[in-house]
N, C-alpha and C. Protein backbone atom coordinates (compact mmCIF):
# COMPACT_ATOMS: atom_id res chain seq x y z
N MET A 1 8.38 33.61 31.54
CA MET A 1 9.38 34.32 31.88
C MET A 1 9.89 32.88 33.28
N ALA A 2 11.25 32.89 33.12
CA ALA A 2 11.52 32.26 34.04
C ALA A 2 13.00 32.57 34.64
N ILE A 3 13.06 32.40 35.78
CA ILE A 3 14.51 32.86 36.91
C ILE A 3 15.45 31.36 37.27
N ILE A 4 16.23 31.65 36.41
CA ILE A 4 17.13 30.57 37.18
C ILE A 4 18.50 30.96 37.97
N GLN A 5 18.69 30.82 38.70
CA GLN A 5 20.16 31.51 39.85
C GLN A 5 19.97 33.06 39.39
N GLY A 6 19.09 33.77 39.52
CA GLY A 6 19.35 34.85 39.35
C GLY A 6 19.72 35.30 37.67
N ILE A 7 19.20 34.12 36.40
CA ILE A 7 19.47 34.52 35.50
C ILE A 7 18.06 34.44 34.99
N SER A 8 17.60 35.22 34.04
CA SER A 8 15.70 34.94 33.37
C SER A 8 16.18 35.32 32.06
N TRP A 9 14.86 34.24 32.04
CA TRP A 9 15.04 34.52 30.30
C TRP A 9 13.30 34.38 29.62
N THR A 10 13.33 34.10 28.95
CA THR A 10 11.95 34.34 28.06
C THR A 10 11.77 33.48 26.96
N LEU A 11 11.00 32.34 26.70
CA LEU A 11 11.04 30.97 26.06
C LEU A 11 9.80 31.92 25.35
N LYS A 12 9.89 31.57 23.59
CA LYS A 12 8.98 31.77 23.17
C LYS A 12 8.38 30.63 21.90
N LEU A 13 7.63 29.91 21.55
CA LEU A 13 7.45 28.92 20.89
C LEU A 13 6.40 29.60 19.57
N LYS A 14 6.69 29.02 18.71
CA LYS A 14 5.82 29.11 17.07
C LYS A 14 4.95 27.91 17.39
N MET A 15 4.04 27.89 16.89
CA MET A 15 3.50 26.45 16.62
C MET A 15 2.98 26.80 15.02
N HIS A 16 3.11 25.40 14.36
CA HIS A 16 2.54 25.67 12.65
C HIS A 16 1.87 24.48 12.59
N ARG A 17 0.99 24.26 12.02
CA ARG A 17 0.19 23.01 11.89
C ARG A 17 0.88 22.38 10.54
N PRO A 18 0.39 20.83 10.63
CA PRO A 18 1.77 20.43 9.06
C PRO A 18 0.81 20.36 8.11
N LEU A 19 0.57 20.60 6.99
CA LEU A 19 0.12 20.63 5.89
C LEU A 19 -0.62 19.08 5.23
N GLU A 20 -1.73 19.01 5.38
CA GLU A 20 -2.43 17.78 4.93
C GLU A 20 -2.54 17.44 3.68
N TYR A 21 -2.53 17.17 2.77
CA TYR A 21 -2.72 16.68 1.38
C TYR A 21 -3.53 14.78 1.31
N THR A 22 -4.21 15.01 0.21
CA THR A 22 -3.98 13.54 -0.21
C THR A 22 -3.85 13.74 -2.02
N VAL A 23 -3.38 11.94 -2.27
CA VAL A 23 -2.71 11.55 -3.46
C VAL A 23 -3.63 9.96 -3.48
N THR A 24 -3.98 9.96 -5.03
CA THR A 24 -4.43 8.79 -5.19
C THR A 24 -3.35 7.94 -6.05
N ILE A 25 -3.10 6.65 -5.93
CA ILE A 25 -2.12 6.22 -6.48
C ILE A 25 -2.24 4.63 -7.51
N ALA A 26 -2.40 4.50 -8.38
CA ALA A 26 -2.49 3.16 -9.26
C ALA A 26 -1.21 2.04 -9.04
N LYS A 27 -1.53 1.25 -8.49
CA LYS A 27 -0.05 0.81 -8.32
C LYS A 27 0.18 -0.94 -9.36
N SER A 28 -1.34 -1.38 -10.33
CA SER A 28 -1.90 -2.32 -11.27
C SER A 28 -0.87 -3.26 -10.78
N ALA A 29 0.52 -3.81 -11.17
CA ALA A 29 1.00 -4.44 -10.62
C ALA A 29 2.42 -4.70 -10.26
N LYS A 30 2.52 -3.24 -9.91
CA LYS A 30 3.79 -2.65 -9.62
C LYS A 30 3.70 -2.93 -7.98
N PRO A 31 5.12 -2.78 -7.35
CA PRO A 31 5.11 -2.54 -5.83
C PRO A 31 4.97 -1.19 -5.70
N PHE A 32 4.66 -0.93 -4.20
CA PHE A 32 4.45 0.43 -4.14
C PHE A 32 5.75 1.27 -4.26
N GLY A 33 6.81 0.70 -3.51
CA GLY A 33 8.23 1.71 -3.79
C GLY A 33 8.29 2.33 -2.76
N ALA A 34 8.58 2.59 -1.80
CA ALA A 34 8.72 3.34 -0.59
C ALA A 34 8.94 2.15 0.39
N LEU A 35 10.18 2.75 1.50
CA LEU A 35 10.42 2.09 2.87
C LEU A 35 9.44 2.72 3.67
N LEU A 36 8.83 2.19 4.32
CA LEU A 36 7.88 2.64 5.63
C LEU A 36 8.21 2.83 7.52
N GLY A 37 8.42 3.01 7.59
CA GLY A 37 8.76 3.23 8.80
C GLY A 37 7.35 3.71 9.75
N TYR A 38 7.21 2.50 10.94
CA TYR A 38 5.94 2.16 11.87
C TYR A 38 6.17 1.49 13.03
N GLN A 39 5.06 1.97 13.73
CA GLN A 39 4.93 1.16 14.85
C GLN A 39 3.58 0.31 15.12
N MET A 40 3.61 -0.86 15.29
CA MET A 40 2.03 -1.79 15.07
C MET A 40 1.09 -0.45 15.23
N HIS A 41 0.59 -0.92 16.51
CA HIS A 41 -0.24 -0.19 16.80
C HIS A 41 -0.74 1.54 17.13
N ILE A 42 0.26 2.09 16.42
CA ILE A 42 0.23 3.91 16.03
C ILE A 42 -0.11 3.79 14.73
N PRO A 43 -1.72 5.25 14.21
CA PRO A 43 -1.76 5.35 13.22
C PRO A 43 -0.93 6.37 12.47
N ALA A 44 0.03 6.25 12.31
CA ALA A 44 0.91 6.69 11.32
C ALA A 44 2.14 6.12 10.68
N ILE A 45 2.02 6.45 9.56
CA ILE A 45 3.67 5.72 8.83
C ILE A 45 4.35 6.62 8.07
N GLU A 46 5.07 6.42 8.34
CA GLU A 46 6.74 7.84 7.69
C GLU A 46 7.29 6.94 6.70
N ILE A 47 7.06 8.00 5.96
CA ILE A 47 7.80 7.41 4.33
C ILE A 47 9.55 7.55 4.68
N THR A 48 10.30 6.65 4.45
CA THR A 48 11.31 6.89 5.06
C THR A 48 12.54 6.74 3.78
N ALA A 49 11.91 6.21 2.72
CA ALA A 49 13.09 5.68 1.40
C ALA A 49 11.86 5.96 0.25
N ILE A 50 12.03 6.53 -0.89
CA ILE A 50 11.07 6.16 -2.27
C ILE A 50 12.17 5.36 -2.94
N ARG A 51 11.48 3.93 -3.62
CA ARG A 51 12.14 3.56 -4.39
C ARG A 51 11.66 3.47 -5.62
N ASP A 52 12.18 2.38 -6.99
CA ASP A 52 11.24 2.43 -7.91
C ASP A 52 10.10 1.54 -7.46
N GLY A 53 8.85 1.92 -8.24
CA GLY A 53 7.66 0.88 -8.26
C GLY A 53 6.47 2.64 -8.32
N ALA A 54 5.38 2.22 -7.63
CA ALA A 54 4.17 3.38 -8.51
C ALA A 54 4.60 4.40 -7.52
N LEU A 55 4.85 4.69 -6.25
CA LEU A 55 5.21 6.01 -6.07
C LEU A 55 6.05 6.64 -6.73
N LYS A 56 7.17 6.11 -7.03
CA LYS A 56 7.84 7.11 -7.79
C LYS A 56 7.59 7.59 -9.44
N ASP A 57 6.76 6.33 -9.75
CA ASP A 57 5.99 6.55 -10.96
C ASP A 57 4.74 7.92 -10.97
N TYR A 58 3.98 7.85 -9.72
CA TYR A 58 3.33 8.85 -9.71
C TYR A 58 4.01 10.19 -9.33
N ASN A 59 5.35 10.58 -8.59
CA ASN A 59 5.78 11.29 -8.37
C ASN A 59 6.45 12.31 -9.53
N ALA A 60 6.67 11.44 -10.48
CA ALA A 60 7.51 11.60 -12.00
C ALA A 60 6.23 12.39 -12.68
N THR A 61 4.83 12.27 -12.48
CA THR A 61 4.11 12.74 -12.89
C THR A 61 3.24 14.30 -12.74
N ALA A 62 3.45 14.09 -11.11
CA ALA A 62 3.17 15.12 -10.35
C ALA A 62 3.65 16.17 -10.42
N GLY A 63 3.09 17.05 -9.91
CA GLY A 63 3.68 19.16 -9.73
C GLY A 63 4.75 18.68 -8.51
N PRO A 64 5.38 20.07 -8.16
CA PRO A 64 5.83 19.28 -6.92
C PRO A 64 5.58 19.11 -5.33
N GLU A 65 4.25 20.62 -5.35
CA GLU A 65 3.53 20.14 -4.21
C GLU A 65 2.75 19.34 -3.94
N ALA A 66 2.61 18.34 -4.79
CA ALA A 66 1.69 16.72 -4.69
C ALA A 66 2.77 15.93 -4.67
N GLN A 67 4.16 15.75 -5.11
CA GLN A 67 4.91 15.18 -4.85
C GLN A 67 5.14 14.37 -3.55
N VAL A 68 4.83 13.35 -3.36
CA VAL A 68 5.26 12.25 -2.15
C VAL A 68 6.65 12.40 -1.93
N LYS A 69 7.40 12.71 -0.85
CA LYS A 69 8.65 13.05 -0.09
C LYS A 69 8.83 12.04 1.08
N VAL A 70 10.21 12.18 1.53
CA VAL A 70 10.75 11.47 2.18
C VAL A 70 10.14 11.83 3.68
N ILE A 71 9.77 12.97 3.88
CA ILE A 71 9.63 13.68 5.02
C ILE A 71 8.04 13.76 5.94
N ASP A 72 6.93 13.31 4.55
CA ASP A 72 5.63 12.75 4.92
C ASP A 72 5.41 11.45 5.64
N THR A 73 4.45 11.44 5.85
CA THR A 73 3.69 10.53 7.07
C THR A 73 2.39 10.47 6.66
N ILE A 74 1.74 9.29 6.14
CA ILE A 74 0.76 9.06 6.14
C ILE A 74 -0.11 8.51 7.30
N ILE A 75 -1.30 9.29 7.25
CA ILE A 75 -2.77 9.33 8.50
C ILE A 75 -3.79 8.38 8.22
N ALA A 76 -3.94 7.59 6.71
CA ALA A 76 -4.67 7.16 6.33
C ALA A 76 -4.68 6.77 5.03
N VAL A 77 -4.95 5.58 4.57
CA VAL A 77 -5.13 4.75 3.62
C VAL A 77 -6.65 4.25 3.27
N ASN A 78 -6.84 4.55 2.01
CA ASN A 78 -8.32 4.21 1.17
C ASN A 78 -9.70 4.63 2.13
N GLY A 79 -9.24 5.62 3.19
CA GLY A 79 -10.15 6.13 4.44
C GLY A 79 -9.86 5.23 5.58
N ILE A 80 -8.83 4.38 5.92
CA ILE A 80 -8.65 3.82 6.69
C ILE A 80 -7.59 4.32 7.49
N ALA A 81 -7.67 4.56 8.78
CA ALA A 81 -7.23 6.04 9.71
C ALA A 81 -6.74 4.70 10.62
N ASP A 82 -6.78 3.36 10.77
CA ASP A 82 -6.81 2.40 12.00
C ASP A 82 -5.47 2.55 12.57
N THR A 83 -5.03 1.50 12.72
CA THR A 83 -3.46 0.93 13.01
C THR A 83 -2.59 0.94 11.86
N ALA A 84 -1.43 1.20 12.14
CA ALA A 84 -0.29 1.12 10.63
C ALA A 84 -0.43 -0.37 10.21
N VAL A 85 -0.78 -1.43 10.86
CA VAL A 85 -0.28 -2.60 10.80
C VAL A 85 -2.44 -2.60 9.50
N ALA A 86 -3.19 -2.20 9.99
CA ALA A 86 -4.02 -2.27 9.00
C ALA A 86 -3.79 -1.10 7.77
N MET A 87 -3.55 -0.12 7.82
CA MET A 87 -2.56 0.28 6.46
C MET A 87 -2.04 0.17 5.65
N VAL A 88 -1.07 -0.13 6.25
CA VAL A 88 0.02 -0.90 5.74
C VAL A 88 -0.69 -2.44 4.82
N GLU A 89 -1.18 -3.03 5.27
CA GLU A 89 -2.20 -4.28 5.03
C GLU A 89 -3.02 -3.60 3.64
N ALA A 90 -4.08 -2.09 3.90
CA ALA A 90 -4.50 -1.65 2.81
C ALA A 90 -3.49 -1.38 1.21
N ILE A 91 -2.38 -0.97 1.71
CA ILE A 91 -1.26 -0.54 0.30
C ILE A 91 -1.09 -1.91 -0.41
N ARG A 92 -0.46 -2.51 0.89
CA ARG A 92 -0.49 -4.33 -0.44
C ARG A 92 -1.59 -4.61 -0.57
N SER A 93 -2.62 -4.51 -0.40
CA SER A 93 -3.75 -5.38 -1.10
C SER A 93 -4.70 -4.59 -2.00
N ARG A 94 -4.02 -3.15 -2.29
CA ARG A 94 -5.30 -2.78 -3.28
C ARG A 94 -4.61 -2.21 -4.45
N ALA A 95 -5.21 -2.25 -5.78
CA ALA A 95 -4.39 -2.03 -6.73
C ALA A 95 -4.82 -0.54 -7.52
N GLU A 96 -6.01 0.33 -6.52
CA GLU A 96 -5.44 1.81 -6.16
C GLU A 96 -5.31 2.63 -4.96
N ILE A 97 -4.49 3.33 -4.46
CA ILE A 97 -4.40 3.70 -2.87
C ILE A 97 -4.59 5.12 -3.16
N VAL A 98 -5.31 5.82 -1.99
CA VAL A 98 -5.65 6.79 -2.18
C VAL A 98 -4.69 6.69 -0.37
N LEU A 99 -4.10 7.93 -0.51
CA LEU A 99 -3.46 8.16 0.72
C LEU A 99 -3.75 9.69 1.48
N THR A 100 -4.10 9.71 2.22
CA THR A 100 -3.60 11.07 3.37
C THR A 100 -2.57 11.01 3.94
N LEU A 101 -2.01 11.95 3.83
CA LEU A 101 -0.33 12.62 4.58
C LEU A 101 -0.51 13.84 5.01
N VAL A 102 0.83 13.66 5.75
CA VAL A 102 0.87 15.28 6.27
C VAL A 102 2.32 15.75 5.99
N ARG A 103 2.24 16.92 6.00
CA ARG A 103 3.68 16.96 6.00
C ARG A 103 4.35 18.63 7.04
N PRO A 104 5.23 18.15 7.30
CA PRO A 104 5.79 19.42 8.06
C PRO A 104 5.41 20.71 7.57
N PRO A 105 5.56 21.81 8.18
CA PRO A 105 5.19 22.96 7.21
C PRO A 105 6.59 23.34 6.59
N ALA A 106 6.53 24.25 5.96
CA ALA A 106 8.59 25.14 5.87
C ALA A 106 8.01 26.25 6.79
N VAL A 107 9.17 26.24 7.09
CA VAL A 107 9.59 27.17 8.18
C VAL A 107 10.08 28.16 8.38
N PRO A 108 9.80 30.02 8.10
CA PRO A 108 11.43 31.03 7.55
C PRO A 108 12.38 30.33 8.58
């Protein structure tokens, strides 16, 4: 409880762990198909938009819970959980991509 100028109040925080999941995407000759937001030395990549390409094709065949969404964050690519630059290079250079992602939990 905090007291500010005679007014008391209580702040309650409820923590929720993000959902972690893994998907495998076959790129073949197609582009990955997403706009990515990242800082070079941070080990996370935000999915900021999904466009035509391998990711959109994957989503078309995946169930609703397994689809990659704009709110998701990539935390590893083919086991690489290093800097965002290393993960982006793995996305660009591989024909099959195994993504480990996290998604904020649905909060009632």
